[in-house]
Amino acid sequence: MPNSPLEQKPLLDIRDLHVELVPSRRKGAALPVLGGISLAVYPGEVIGIVGESGCGKSALASSVVGLLPRAMRIGQGEIWYQSAPVHRLGREETRRLRGKEIAMVFQDPMTSLNPALTVGEQLAEMLWLHLGMTRREAKARSAELLRNVGLPRPEALLSEYPHRLSGGMRQRVMIAMALSCRPQLLIADEPTTALDVTIQAQILELLKRISAEERTAIMLVSHDLGVIADMCDRIAVMYAGQIVEEGPVEDIFDAPRHPYTIGLLNSIPSTAKERLYSIPGTVPALHERSGGCRFYSRCPQASDRCLAEPPRLTDLNGRHAVRCLLAVPEGGASHAAG
């Protein structure tokens, strides 16, 4: 993590971001997918975005790279990458930024790679498009990229089609493509979910090395708290489209303040536990996300005040923030909108 993030300008600055699900046939009200996300990512740090399925992690990642599904749109808020207003860029400008400055590794490489093109053709396309390399230069650089992510026989692999590679190999190809233009920000959306434990460890070690050697900032999206603890400098915990707690990894794991974060940590399997804990209930549906605290129906500490008053993300000590009325003193300063 940067020695003092507050002394640096963020590489990525998300301000009060609201993403909506557009109603079909333009009838009815838009439904909130993300509600007031504010988050900064600093050069060289690894930040984890964690939460259950349906909490909005992937929607947040997709918003940054301009890849929201057609049924979703940014309702309000801003996304700044350095001095570029990502939220205002056109499709072509976003595509140039996404390929060169910001890269993304998706959860399922089989659906992200083009089955009709060889690995070499797909890597070379990135290099022609963004760096203007010749075919010979692109081929040499493509083999080098595959070698750098630990793939054997890189020259031979350039002629292979994605379906002929294992899941771990395809994921490494995706990482090689993402790193081809030396991006300053890498967004990894559940990059190891479908992989076995051994390959998962290798992919995570590769991401660590990339961050350390290239000083690439990484936004790691995951539901796996073990991965987050091992990889990240800072964590943002998401629930029902909002950030409910944010802070350094040691603060979140050693002194969590939000009941949802505490529940997630209690859910981590351990040989010391007689039975596995799970948070009761489910994440509220989009049409149920209004009024007070979105965790109200599942919270063991909830009061009438929680249902009536929407909590705000509140700064506790300059580095740890929480969205919970019971975890902060009344009148605490708001850390971020939403």
C-alpha atoms as a PDB file:
ATOM      1  CA  MET A   1       0.000   0.000   0.000  1.00  0.00           C
ATOM      2  CA  PRO A   2       1.250   3.542  -0.553  1.00  0.00           C
ATOM      3  CA  ASN A   3       3.059   4.936   2.460  1.00  0.00           C
ATOM      4  CA  SER A   4       0.432   7.631   2.896  1.00  0.00           C
ATOM      5  CA  PRO A   5      -2.450   7.539   0.402  1.00  0.00           C
ATOM      6  CA  LEU A   6      -3.794  10.835   1.682  1.00  0.00           C
ATOM      7  CA  GLU A   7      -0.631  12.520   0.394  1.00  0.00           C
ATOM      8  CA  GLN A   8      -1.225  11.193  -3.130  1.00  0.00           C
ATOM      9  CA  LYS A   9      -3.823  11.885  -5.745  1.00  0.00           C
ATOM     10  CA  PRO A  10      -6.029   8.877  -6.435  1.00  0.00           C
ATOM     11  CA  LEU A  11      -5.500   7.009  -9.672  1.00  0.00           C
ATOM     12  CA  LEU A  12      -9.214   6.217  -9.725  1.00  0.00           C
ATOM     13  CA  ASP A  13     -11.774   8.382  -7.943  1.00  0.00           C
ATOM     14  CA  ILE A  14     -15.411   7.224  -7.816  1.00  0.00           C
ATOM     15  CA  ARG A  15     -17.771   9.863  -6.433  1.00  0.00           C
ATOM     16  CA  ASP A  16     -21.349   9.153  -5.303  1.00  0.00           C
ATOM     17  CA  LEU A  17     -21.953   6.620  -8.066  1.00  0.00           C
ATOM     18  CA  HIS A  18     -25.525   5.433  -8.629  1.00  0.00           C
ATOM     19  CA  VAL A  19     -26.226   2.648 -11.133  1.00  0.00           C
ATOM     20  CA  GLU A  20     -29.787   1.767 -12.104  1.00  0.00           C
ATOM     21  CA  LEU A  21     -31.544  -1.156 -13.718  1.00  0.00           C
ATOM     22  CA  VAL A  22     -33.582   0.304 -16.551  1.00  0.00           C
ATOM     23  CA  PRO A  23     -37.196  -0.968 -16.586  1.00  0.00           C
ATOM     24  CA  SER A  24     -38.198  -3.084 -19.570  1.00  0.00           C
ATOM     25  CA  ARG A  25     -40.239  -1.316 -22.250  1.00  0.00           C
ATOM     26  CA  ARG A  26     -39.520   1.976 -20.440  1.00  0.00           C
ATOM     27  CA  LYS A  27     -42.366   1.347 -17.976  1.00  0.00           C
ATOM     28  CA  GLY A  28     -42.038   1.679 -14.221  1.00  0.00           C
ATOM     29  CA  ALA A  29     -39.289   3.229 -12.124  1.00  0.00           C
ATOM     30  CA  ALA A  30     -35.597   2.396 -12.463  1.00  0.00           C
ATOM     31  CA  LEU A  31     -34.316   0.092  -9.722  1.00  0.00           C
ATOM     32  CA  PRO A  32     -31.139   0.924  -7.737  1.00  0.00           C
ATOM     33  CA  VAL A  33     -28.221  -1.446  -8.326  1.00  0.00           C
ATOM     34  CA  LEU A  34     -25.525   0.768  -6.745  1.00  0.00           C
ATOM     35  CA  GLY A  35     -26.486   3.490  -4.313  1.00  0.00           C
ATOM     36  CA  GLY A  36     -23.955   6.229  -3.676  1.00  0.00           C
ATOM     37  CA  ILE A  37     -20.584   4.475  -4.058  1.00  0.00           C
ATOM     38  CA  SER A  38     -17.575   6.662  -3.293  1.00  0.00           C
ATOM     39  CA  LEU A  39     -14.156   5.027  -3.491  1.00  0.00           C
ATOM     40  CA  ALA A  40     -10.584   6.045  -4.282  1.00  0.00           C
ATOM     41  CA  VAL A  41      -7.855   3.725  -5.590  1.00  0.00           C
ATOM     42  CA  TYR A  42      -4.265   4.896  -5.230  1.00  0.00           C
ATOM     43  CA  PRO A  43      -1.208   4.090  -7.376  1.00  0.00           C
ATOM     44  CA  GLY A  44       0.421   0.784  -6.498  1.00  0.00           C
ATOM     45  CA  GLU A  45      -2.123  -0.432  -3.960  1.00  0.00           C
ATOM     46  CA  VAL A  46      -4.276  -3.564  -4.001  1.00  0.00           C
ATOM     47  CA  ILE A  47      -7.825  -2.888  -2.849  1.00  0.00           C
ATOM     48  CA  GLY A  48     -10.322  -5.675  -2.265  1.00  0.00           C
ATOM     49  CA  ILE A  49     -14.029  -5.359  -3.037  1.00  0.00           C
ATOM     50  CA  VAL A  50     -15.813  -8.030  -1.025  1.00  0.00           C
ATOM     51  CA  GLY A  51     -19.387  -9.134  -0.389  1.00  0.00           C
ATOM     52  CA  GLU A  52     -22.000 -11.776  -1.156  1.00  0.00           C
ATOM     53  CA  SER A  53     -23.324 -12.500  -4.623  1.00  0.00           C
ATOM     54  CA  GLY A  54     -25.787  -9.777  -5.611  1.00  0.00           C
ATOM     55  CA  CYS A  55     -24.164  -7.016  -3.569  1.00  0.00           C
ATOM     56  CA  GLY A  56     -23.020  -5.047  -6.646  1.00  0.00           C
ATOM     57  CA  LYS A  57     -19.304  -5.887  -6.858  1.00  0.00           C
ATOM     58  CA  SER A  58     -19.313  -6.746 -10.555  1.00  0.00           C
ATOM     59  CA  ALA A  59     -21.581  -3.804 -11.409  1.00  0.00           C
ATOM     60  CA  LEU A  60     -19.052  -1.489  -9.769  1.00  0.00           C
ATOM     61  CA  ALA A  61     -16.157  -3.016 -11.719  1.00  0.00           C
ATOM     62  CA  SER A  62     -18.102  -2.881 -14.988  1.00  0.00           C
ATOM     63  CA  SER A  63     -18.991   0.776 -14.421  1.00  0.00           C
ATOM     64  CA  VAL A  64     -15.321   1.747 -14.243  1.00  0.00           C
ATOM     65  CA  VAL A  65     -14.484   0.150 -17.601  1.00  0.00           C
ATOM     66  CA  GLY A  66     -17.701   1.136 -19.384  1.00  0.00           C
ATOM     67  CA  LEU A  67     -19.004  -2.416 -19.712  1.00  0.00           C
ATOM     68  CA  LEU A  68     -22.328  -2.240 -17.915  1.00  0.00           C
ATOM     69  CA  PRO A  69     -25.040  -4.483 -19.416  1.00  0.00           C
ATOM     70  CA  ARG A  70     -27.495  -2.707 -21.691  1.00  0.00           C
ATOM     71  CA  ALA A  71     -30.174  -2.993 -19.022  1.00  0.00           C
ATOM     72  CA  MET A  72     -28.116  -0.843 -16.624  1.00  0.00           C
ATOM     73  CA  ARG A  73     -27.059   2.794 -16.690  1.00  0.00           C
ATOM     74  CA  ILE A  74     -25.234   5.301 -14.522  1.00  0.00           C
ATOM     75  CA  GLY A  75     -27.982   7.399 -12.916  1.00  0.00           C
ATOM     76  CA  GLN A  76     -25.714   9.941 -11.232  1.00  0.00           C
ATOM     77  CA  GLY A  77     -22.222  10.362  -9.860  1.00  0.00           C
ATOM     78  CA  GLU A  78     -18.744  10.620 -11.356  1.00  0.00           C
ATOM     79  CA  ILE A  79     -15.865   8.282 -12.198  1.00  0.00           C
ATOM     80  CA  TRP A  80     -12.485   9.949 -12.656  1.00  0.00           C
ATOM     81  CA  TYR A  81      -9.369   8.184 -13.876  1.00  0.00           C
ATOM     82  CA  GLN A  82      -6.550  10.660 -13.238  1.00  0.00           C
ATOM     83  CA  SER A  83      -7.905  13.725 -15.082  1.00  0.00           C
ATOM     84  CA  ALA A  84     -10.233  11.806 -17.411  1.00  0.00           C
ATOM     85  CA  PRO A  85     -13.984  11.933 -16.624  1.00  0.00           C
ATOM     86  CA  VAL A  86     -14.797   8.300 -17.446  1.00  0.00           C
ATOM     87  CA  HIS A  87     -18.511   8.906 -16.855  1.00  0.00           C
ATOM     88  CA  ARG A  88     -18.570  11.445 -19.721  1.00  0.00           C
ATOM     89  CA  LEU A  89     -16.425   9.655 -22.290  1.00  0.00           C
ATOM     90  CA  GLY A  90     -17.880   8.332 -25.530  1.00  0.00           C
ATOM     91  CA  ARG A  91     -17.673   4.675 -26.529  1.00  0.00           C
ATOM     92  CA  GLU A  92     -14.489   5.046 -28.596  1.00  0.00           C
ATOM     93  CA  GLU A  93     -12.688   7.098 -25.938  1.00  0.00           C
ATOM     94  CA  THR A  94     -13.686   4.586 -23.278  1.00  0.00           C
ATOM     95  CA  ARG A  95     -12.424   1.714 -25.426  1.00  0.00           C
ATOM     96  CA  ARG A  96      -9.011   3.373 -25.838  1.00  0.00           C
ATOM     97  CA  LEU A  97      -8.754   4.053 -22.102  1.00  0.00           C
ATOM     98  CA  ARG A  98      -9.912   0.537 -21.214  1.00  0.00           C
ATOM     99  CA  GLY A  99      -7.333  -1.163 -23.371  1.00  0.00           C
ATOM    100  CA  LYS A 100      -4.325   0.981 -22.562  1.00  0.00           C
ATOM    101  CA  GLU A 101      -4.685   2.549 -19.105  1.00  0.00           C
ATOM    102  CA  ILE A 102      -7.280   0.355 -17.390  1.00  0.00           C
ATOM    103  CA  ALA A 103      -7.466  -3.404 -17.938  1.00  0.00           C
ATOM    104  CA  MET A 104      -9.899  -6.017 -16.683  1.00  0.00           C
ATOM    105  CA  VAL A 105      -9.616  -9.735 -16.006  1.00  0.00           C
ATOM    106  CA  PHE A 106     -13.019 -11.420 -16.028  1.00  0.00           C
ATOM    107  CA  GLN A 107     -14.301 -14.318 -13.957  1.00  0.00           C
ATOM    108  CA  ASP A 108     -14.807 -16.721 -16.872  1.00  0.00           C
ATOM    109  CA  PRO A 109     -12.027 -16.608 -19.492  1.00  0.00           C
ATOM    110  CA  MET A 110     -13.877 -19.013 -21.784  1.00  0.00           C
ATOM    111  CA  THR A 111     -16.651 -16.499 -22.406  1.00  0.00           C
ATOM    112  CA  SER A 112     -14.196 -13.573 -22.547  1.00  0.00           C
ATOM    113  CA  LEU A 113     -11.851 -15.020 -25.175  1.00  0.00           C
ATOM    114  CA  ASN A 114     -12.973 -15.243 -28.797  1.00  0.00           C
ATOM    115  CA  PRO A 115     -13.264 -18.960 -29.682  1.00  0.00           C
ATOM    116  CA  ALA A 116     -12.789 -18.227 -33.406  1.00  0.00           C
ATOM    117  CA  LEU A 117      -9.361 -16.564 -32.985  1.00  0.00           C
ATOM    118  CA  THR A 118      -6.075 -18.020 -31.839  1.00  0.00           C
ATOM    119  CA  VAL A 119      -4.411 -16.854 -28.644  1.00  0.00           C
ATOM    120  CA  GLY A 120      -1.768 -15.074 -30.724  1.00  0.00           C
ATOM    121  CA  GLU A 121      -4.333 -13.217 -32.833  1.00  0.00           C
ATOM    122  CA  GLN A 122      -6.139 -11.955 -29.749  1.00  0.00           C
ATOM    123  CA  LEU A 123      -2.960 -10.797 -28.046  1.00  0.00           C
ATOM    124  CA  ALA A 124      -1.644  -9.163 -31.205  1.00  0.00           C
ATOM    125  CA  GLU A 125      -4.890  -7.248 -31.680  1.00  0.00           C
ATOM    126  CA  MET A 126      -4.313  -5.411 -28.396  1.00  0.00           C
ATOM    127  CA  LEU A 127      -0.772  -4.512 -29.421  1.00  0.00           C
ATOM    128  CA  TRP A 128      -1.714  -3.315 -32.917  1.00  0.00           C
ATOM    129  CA  LEU A 129      -4.647  -1.322 -31.686  1.00  0.00           C
ATOM    130  CA  HIS A 130      -3.127   0.465 -28.700  1.00  0.00           C
ATOM    131  CA  LEU A 131       0.637   0.451 -29.294  1.00  0.00           C
ATOM    132  CA  GLY A 132       0.846   0.463 -33.092  1.00  0.00           C
ATOM    133  CA  MET A 133       3.227  -2.513 -33.261  1.00  0.00           C
ATOM    134  CA  THR A 134       4.024  -4.319 -36.488  1.00  0.00           C
ATOM    135  CA  ARG A 135       2.964  -7.958 -36.857  1.00  0.00           C
ATOM    136  CA  ARG A 136       6.490  -9.195 -36.140  1.00  0.00           C
ATOM    137  CA  GLU A 137       6.825  -6.979 -33.062  1.00  0.00           C
ATOM    138  CA  ALA A 138       3.379  -8.013 -31.810  1.00  0.00           C
ATOM    139  CA  LYS A 139       4.194 -11.716 -32.182  1.00  0.00           C
ATOM    140  CA  ALA A 140       7.452 -11.388 -30.246  1.00  0.00           C
ATOM    141  CA  ARG A 141       5.790  -9.314 -27.532  1.00  0.00           C
ATOM    142  CA  SER A 142       2.864 -11.785 -27.305  1.00  0.00           C
ATOM    143  CA  ALA A 143       5.234 -14.700 -26.680  1.00  0.00           C
ATOM    144  CA  GLU A 144       7.038 -12.638 -24.061  1.00  0.00           C
ATOM    145  CA  LEU A 145       3.735 -11.854 -22.305  1.00  0.00           C
ATOM    146  CA  LEU A 146       2.763 -15.535 -22.186  1.00  0.00           C
ATOM    147  CA  ARG A 147       6.194 -16.400 -20.816  1.00  0.00           C
ATOM    148  CA  ASN A 148       5.868 -13.688 -18.153  1.00  0.00           C
ATOM    149  CA  VAL A 149       2.622 -15.176 -16.830  1.00  0.00           C
ATOM    150  CA  GLY A 150       4.276 -18.588 -16.485  1.00  0.00           C
ATOM    151  CA  LEU A 151       2.894 -20.400 -19.530  1.00  0.00           C
ATOM    152  CA  PRO A 152       5.155 -23.084 -21.083  1.00  0.00           C
ATOM    153  CA  ARG A 153       5.974 -23.185 -24.809  1.00  0.00           C
ATOM    154  CA  PRO A 154       4.682 -19.630 -25.404  1.00  0.00           C
ATOM    155  CA  GLU A 155       5.548 -19.579 -29.111  1.00  0.00           C
ATOM    156  CA  ALA A 156       3.518 -22.744 -29.710  1.00  0.00           C
ATOM    157  CA  LEU A 157       0.600 -21.477 -27.624  1.00  0.00           C
ATOM    158  CA  LEU A 158       0.187 -18.486 -29.929  1.00  0.00           C
ATOM    159  CA  SER A 159      -1.268 -20.846 -32.555  1.00  0.00           C
ATOM    160  CA  GLU A 160      -3.721 -22.551 -30.174  1.00  0.00           C
ATOM    161  CA  TYR A 161      -7.439 -21.809 -29.843  1.00  0.00           C
ATOM    162  CA  PRO A 162      -8.890 -21.096 -26.364  1.00  0.00           C
ATOM    163  CA  HIS A 163     -10.899 -24.341 -26.165  1.00  0.00           C
ATOM    164  CA  ARG A 164      -7.672 -26.346 -26.364  1.00  0.00           C
ATOM    165  CA  LEU A 165      -6.326 -24.766 -23.153  1.00  0.00           C
ATOM    166  CA  SER A 166      -7.104 -25.617 -19.537  1.00  0.00           C
ATOM    167  CA  GLY A 167      -9.020 -23.161 -17.336  1.00  0.00           C
ATOM    168  CA  GLY A 168      -5.837 -22.039 -15.598  1.00  0.00           C
ATOM    169  CA  MET A 169      -4.053 -21.508 -18.912  1.00  0.00           C
ATOM    170  CA  ARG A 170      -6.965 -19.489 -20.309  1.00  0.00           C
ATOM    171  CA  GLN A 171      -6.979 -17.300 -17.204  1.00  0.00           C
ATOM    172  CA  ARG A 172      -3.253 -16.661 -17.627  1.00  0.00           C
ATOM    173  CA  VAL A 173      -3.868 -15.716 -21.259  1.00  0.00           C
ATOM    174  CA  MET A 174      -6.501 -13.229 -20.058  1.00  0.00           C
ATOM    175  CA  ILE A 175      -4.012 -11.754 -17.590  1.00  0.00           C
ATOM    176  CA  ALA A 176      -1.366 -11.550 -20.344  1.00  0.00           C
ATOM    177  CA  MET A 177      -3.849  -9.660 -22.557  1.00  0.00           C
ATOM    178  CA  ALA A 178      -4.759  -7.338 -19.687  1.00  0.00           C
ATOM    179  CA  LEU A 179      -1.081  -6.555 -19.071  1.00  0.00           C
ATOM    180  CA  SER A 180      -0.093  -6.214 -22.722  1.00  0.00           C
ATOM    181  CA  CYS A 181      -0.162  -2.396 -22.679  1.00  0.00           C
ATOM    182  CA  ARG A 182       1.209  -2.055 -19.126  1.00  0.00           C
ATOM    183  CA  PRO A 183      -1.963  -0.571 -17.593  1.00  0.00           C
ATOM    184  CA  GLN A 184      -1.787   1.471 -14.426  1.00  0.00           C
ATOM    185  CA  LEU A 185      -5.012  -0.038 -13.076  1.00  0.00           C
ATOM    186  CA  LEU A 186      -5.987  -3.718 -13.260  1.00  0.00           C
ATOM    187  CA  ILE A 187      -9.510  -4.770 -12.279  1.00  0.00           C
ATOM    188  CA  ALA A 188      -9.778  -8.486 -11.494  1.00  0.00           C
ATOM    189  CA  ASP A 189     -13.384  -9.694 -11.149  1.00  0.00           C
ATOM    190  CA  GLU A 190     -13.364 -13.035  -9.289  1.00  0.00           C
ATOM    191  CA  PRO A 191     -10.298 -14.127 -11.298  1.00  0.00           C
ATOM    192  CA  THR A 192      -9.855 -17.501  -9.553  1.00  0.00           C
ATOM    193  CA  THR A 193     -13.426 -18.658  -8.884  1.00  0.00           C
ATOM    194  CA  ALA A 194     -13.510 -21.515 -11.394  1.00  0.00           C
ATOM    195  CA  LEU A 195      -9.947 -22.724 -10.789  1.00  0.00           C
ATOM    196  CA  ASP A 196      -8.620 -25.477  -8.539  1.00  0.00           C
ATOM    197  CA  VAL A 197      -6.680 -24.543  -5.407  1.00  0.00           C
ATOM    198  CA  THR A 198      -3.209 -25.028  -6.910  1.00  0.00           C
ATOM    199  CA  ILE A 199      -3.915 -22.911 -10.004  1.00  0.00           C
ATOM    200  CA  GLN A 200      -5.699 -20.335  -7.844  1.00  0.00           C
ATOM    201  CA  ALA A 201      -2.584 -19.896  -5.714  1.00  0.00           C
ATOM    202  CA  GLN A 202      -0.431 -19.480  -8.829  1.00  0.00           C
ATOM    203  CA  ILE A 203      -2.741 -16.822 -10.304  1.00  0.00           C
ATOM    204  CA  LEU A 204      -2.817 -14.866  -7.037  1.00  0.00           C
ATOM    205  CA  GLU A 205       0.961 -15.044  -6.729  1.00  0.00           C
ATOM    206  CA  LEU A 206       1.201 -13.723 -10.290  1.00  0.00           C
ATOM    207  CA  LEU A 207      -1.051 -10.766  -9.446  1.00  0.00           C
ATOM    208  CA  LYS A 208       1.076 -10.021  -6.369  1.00  0.00           C
ATOM    209  CA  ARG A 209       4.215 -10.013  -8.487  1.00  0.00           C
ATOM    210  CA  ILE A 210       2.622  -7.710 -11.061  1.00  0.00           C
ATOM    211  CA  SER A 211       1.633  -5.240  -8.353  1.00  0.00           C
ATOM    212  CA  ALA A 212       5.081  -5.292  -6.754  1.00  0.00           C
ATOM    213  CA  GLU A 213       7.179  -5.132  -9.929  1.00  0.00           C
ATOM    214  CA  GLU A 214       5.040  -2.910 -12.162  1.00  0.00           C
ATOM    215  CA  ARG A 215       3.459  -0.763  -9.412  1.00  0.00           C
ATOM    216  CA  THR A 216       0.107  -1.547 -10.980  1.00  0.00           C
ATOM    217  CA  ALA A 217      -2.907  -0.688  -8.834  1.00  0.00           C
ATOM    218  CA  ILE A 218      -5.258  -3.672  -8.545  1.00  0.00           C
ATOM    219  CA  MET A 219      -8.958  -3.671  -7.717  1.00  0.00           C
ATOM    220  CA  LEU A 220      -9.642  -7.272  -6.697  1.00  0.00           C
ATOM    221  CA  VAL A 221     -13.309  -8.256  -6.655  1.00  0.00           C
ATOM    222  CA  SER A 222     -14.010 -11.385  -4.626  1.00  0.00           C
ATOM    223  CA  HIS A 223     -16.353 -13.094  -2.181  1.00  0.00           C
ATOM    224  CA  ASP A 224     -13.405 -15.036  -0.700  1.00  0.00           C
ATOM    225  CA  LEU A 225     -12.152 -13.322   2.449  1.00  0.00           C
ATOM    226  CA  GLY A 226      -9.099 -15.584   2.595  1.00  0.00           C
ATOM    227  CA  VAL A 227      -7.970 -14.343  -0.814  1.00  0.00           C
ATOM    228  CA  ILE A 228      -8.707 -10.744   0.150  1.00  0.00           C
ATOM    229  CA  ALA A 229      -6.725 -11.029   3.410  1.00  0.00           C
ATOM    230  CA  ASP A 230      -3.719 -12.476   1.602  1.00  0.00           C
ATOM    231  CA  MET A 231      -3.705 -10.082  -1.351  1.00  0.00           C
ATOM    232  CA  CYS A 232      -4.989  -6.671  -0.308  1.00  0.00           C
ATOM    233  CA  ASP A 233      -3.793  -3.531   1.426  1.00  0.00           C
ATOM    234  CA  ARG A 234      -7.282  -2.107   1.873  1.00  0.00           C
ATOM    235  CA  ILE A 235     -10.816  -3.525   1.789  1.00  0.00           C
ATOM    236  CA  ALA A 236     -14.233  -2.136   0.847  1.00  0.00           C
ATOM    237  CA  VAL A 237     -17.092  -4.340   2.075  1.00  0.00           C
ATOM    238  CA  MET A 238     -20.228  -4.075  -0.076  1.00  0.00           C
ATOM    239  CA  TYR A 239     -23.804  -4.956   0.806  1.00  0.00           C
ATOM    240  CA  ALA A 240     -26.935  -4.418  -1.283  1.00  0.00           C
ATOM    241  CA  GLY A 241     -25.288  -1.891  -3.597  1.00  0.00           C
ATOM    242  CA  GLN A 242     -23.503   0.168  -0.942  1.00  0.00           C
ATOM    243  CA  ILE A 243     -20.104   0.214   0.734  1.00  0.00           C
ATOM    244  CA  VAL A 244     -20.840  -0.571   4.393  1.00  0.00           C
ATOM    245  CA  GLU A 245     -17.261  -0.628   5.686  1.00  0.00           C
ATOM    246  CA  GLU A 246     -13.872   0.411   4.332  1.00  0.00           C
ATOM    247  CA  GLY A 247     -10.385   0.435   5.781  1.00  0.00           C
ATOM    248  CA  PRO A 248      -6.930  -1.182   5.909  1.00  0.00           C
ATOM    249  CA  VAL A 249      -7.007  -4.965   5.838  1.00  0.00           C
ATOM    250  CA  GLU A 250      -5.723  -5.264   9.412  1.00  0.00           C
ATOM    251  CA  ASP A 251      -8.436  -2.930  10.744  1.00  0.00           C
ATOM    252  CA  ILE A 252     -11.226  -4.804   8.972  1.00  0.00           C
ATOM    253  CA  PHE A 253     -10.054  -8.234  10.134  1.00  0.00           C
ATOM    254  CA  ASP A 254      -8.931  -7.287  13.661  1.00  0.00           C
ATOM    255  CA  ALA A 255     -11.602  -4.724  14.549  1.00  0.00           C
ATOM    256  CA  PRO A 256     -14.633  -4.910  12.217  1.00  0.00           C
ATOM    257  CA  ARG A 257     -17.389  -2.447  13.080  1.00  0.00           C
ATOM    258  CA  HIS A 258     -20.307  -3.234  10.789  1.00  0.00           C
ATOM    259  CA  PRO A 259     -22.533  -6.220  11.765  1.00  0.00           C
ATOM    260  CA  TYR A 260     -22.387  -7.482   8.175  1.00  0.00           C
ATOM    261  CA  THR A 261     -18.577  -7.483   8.141  1.00  0.00           C
ATOM    262  CA  ILE A 262     -18.582  -9.289  11.485  1.00  0.00           C
ATOM    263  CA  GLY A 263     -20.967 -11.869  10.041  1.00  0.00           C
ATOM    264  CA  LEU A 264     -18.770 -12.403   6.981  1.00  0.00           C
ATOM    265  CA  LEU A 265     -15.701 -12.945   9.146  1.00  0.00           C
ATOM    266  CA  ASN A 266     -17.597 -15.361  11.390  1.00  0.00           C
ATOM    267  CA  SER A 267     -18.519 -17.308   8.248  1.00  0.00           C
ATOM    268  CA  ILE A 268     -14.890 -18.162   7.467  1.00  0.00           C
ATOM    269  CA  PRO A 269     -14.402 -21.933   7.994  1.00  0.00           C
ATOM    270  CA  SER A 270     -12.115 -22.887  10.878  1.00  0.00           C
ATOM    271  CA  THR A 271     -11.126 -26.133  12.612  1.00  0.00           C
ATOM    272  CA  ALA A 272     -11.819 -24.370  15.927  1.00  0.00           C
ATOM    273  CA  LYS A 273     -15.527 -24.072  15.078  1.00  0.00           C
ATOM    274  CA  GLU A 274     -17.935 -26.908  15.784  1.00  0.00           C
ATOM    275  CA  ARG A 275     -20.331 -25.750  13.078  1.00  0.00           C
ATOM    276  CA  LEU A 276     -20.137 -23.341  10.142  1.00  0.00           C
ATOM    277  CA  TYR A 277     -21.818 -19.981  10.745  1.00  0.00           C
ATOM    278  CA  SER A 278     -23.935 -18.315   8.063  1.00  0.00           C
ATOM    279  CA  ILE A 279     -25.666 -14.938   8.116  1.00  0.00           C
ATOM    280  CA  PRO A 280     -29.434 -15.529   8.308  1.00  0.00           C
ATOM    281  CA  GLY A 281     -31.630 -14.296   5.442  1.00  0.00           C
ATOM    282  CA  THR A 282     -30.643 -13.075   1.997  1.00  0.00           C
ATOM    283  CA  VAL A 283     -29.540  -9.852   0.295  1.00  0.00           C
ATOM    284  CA  PRO A 284     -32.672  -7.719  -0.335  1.00  0.00           C
ATOM    285  CA  ALA A 285     -33.985  -7.598  -3.887  1.00  0.00           C
ATOM    286  CA  LEU A 286     -33.555  -4.384  -5.889  1.00  0.00           C
ATOM    287  CA  HIS A 287     -37.139  -3.243  -5.252  1.00  0.00           C
ATOM    288  CA  GLU A 288     -36.640  -3.664  -1.489  1.00  0.00           C
ATOM    289  CA  ARG A 289     -33.646  -1.314  -1.219  1.00  0.00           C
ATOM    290  CA  SER A 290     -35.167   1.834   0.224  1.00  0.00           C
ATOM    291  CA  GLY A 291     -35.804   3.472   3.567  1.00  0.00           C
ATOM    292  CA  GLY A 292     -33.347   2.814   6.390  1.00  0.00           C
ATOM    293  CA  CYS A 293     -30.414   0.426   6.740  1.00  0.00           C
ATOM    294  CA  ARG A 294     -30.359  -2.215   3.999  1.00  0.00           C
ATOM    295  CA  PHE A 295     -28.991  -4.799   6.453  1.00  0.00           C
ATOM    296  CA  TYR A 296     -31.856  -4.215   8.906  1.00  0.00           C
ATOM    297  CA  SER A 297     -33.734  -7.492   8.297  1.00  0.00           C
ATOM    298  CA  ARG A 298     -30.596  -9.618   8.886  1.00  0.00           C
ATOM    299  CA  CYS A 299     -28.915  -7.627  11.661  1.00  0.00           C
ATOM    300  CA  PRO A 300     -28.923  -9.070  15.206  1.00  0.00           C
ATOM    301  CA  GLN A 301     -28.463  -5.571  16.674  1.00  0.00           C
ATOM    302  CA  ALA A 302     -31.097  -3.682  14.638  1.00  0.00           C
ATOM    303  CA  SER A 303     -33.366  -1.135  16.304  1.00  0.00           C
ATOM    304  CA  ASP A 304     -36.325   0.955  15.159  1.00  0.00           C
ATOM    305  CA  ARG A 305     -33.919   3.802  14.460  1.00  0.00           C
ATOM    306  CA  CYS A 306     -32.107   1.633  11.872  1.00  0.00           C
ATOM    307  CA  LEU A 307     -35.313   1.160   9.916  1.00  0.00           C
ATOM    308  CA  ALA A 308     -36.230   4.837   9.979  1.00  0.00           C
ATOM    309  CA  GLU A 309     -32.879   6.534   9.370  1.00  0.00           C
ATOM    310  CA  PRO A 310     -30.583   5.690   6.414  1.00  0.00           C
ATOM    311  CA  PRO A 311     -27.017   5.370   7.746  1.00  0.00           C
ATOM    312  CA  ARG A 312     -24.182   7.257   6.060  1.00  0.00           C
ATOM    313  CA  LEU A 313     -20.624   6.070   5.543  1.00  0.00           C
ATOM    314  CA  THR A 314     -18.855   7.733   8.468  1.00  0.00           C
ATOM    315  CA  ASP A 315     -15.137   8.288   9.007  1.00  0.00           C
ATOM    316  CA  LEU A 316     -13.986   6.837  12.324  1.00  0.00           C
ATOM    317  CA  ASN A 317     -10.301   7.743  12.463  1.00  0.00           C
ATOM    318  CA  GLY A 318      -9.123   9.017   9.057  1.00  0.00           C
ATOM    319  CA  ARG A 319      -8.622   5.533   7.612  1.00  0.00           C
ATOM    320  CA  HIS A 320     -11.544   3.347   8.727  1.00  0.00           C
ATOM    321  CA  ALA A 321     -15.144   4.153   7.749  1.00  0.00           C
ATOM    322  CA  VAL A 322     -18.428   2.384   8.515  1.00  0.00           C
ATOM    323  CA  ARG A 323     -22.076   2.719   7.467  1.00  0.00           C
ATOM    324  CA  CYS A 324     -23.884   1.823  10.706  1.00  0.00           C
ATOM    325  CA  LEU A 325     -25.816   3.975  13.183  1.00  0.00           C
ATOM    326  CA  LEU A 326     -24.853   1.675  16.065  1.00  0.00           C
ATOM    327  CA  ALA A 327     -21.127   1.648  15.289  1.00  0.00           C
ATOM    328  CA  VAL A 328     -20.460   5.405  15.336  1.00  0.00           C
ATOM    329  CA  PRO A 329     -21.245   8.175  17.820  1.00  0.00           C
ATOM    330  CA  GLU A 330     -24.220  10.367  16.978  1.00  0.00           C
ATOM    331  CA  GLY A 331     -23.170  13.422  14.987  1.00  0.00           C
ATOM    332  CA  GLY A 332     -20.122  11.691  13.462  1.00  0.00           C
ATOM    333  CA  ALA A 333     -18.699  13.321  10.330  1.00  0.00           C
ATOM    334  CA  SER A 334     -19.844  11.846   7.021  1.00  0.00           C
ATOM    335  CA  HIS A 335     -17.038  10.211   5.066  1.00  0.00           C
ATOM    336  CA  ALA A 336     -18.814   9.965   1.734  1.00  0.00           C
ATOM    337  CA  ALA A 337     -22.121  10.632   0.088  1.00  0.00           C
ATOM    338  CA  GLY A 338     -24.822   8.037  -0.052  1.00  0.00           C
END
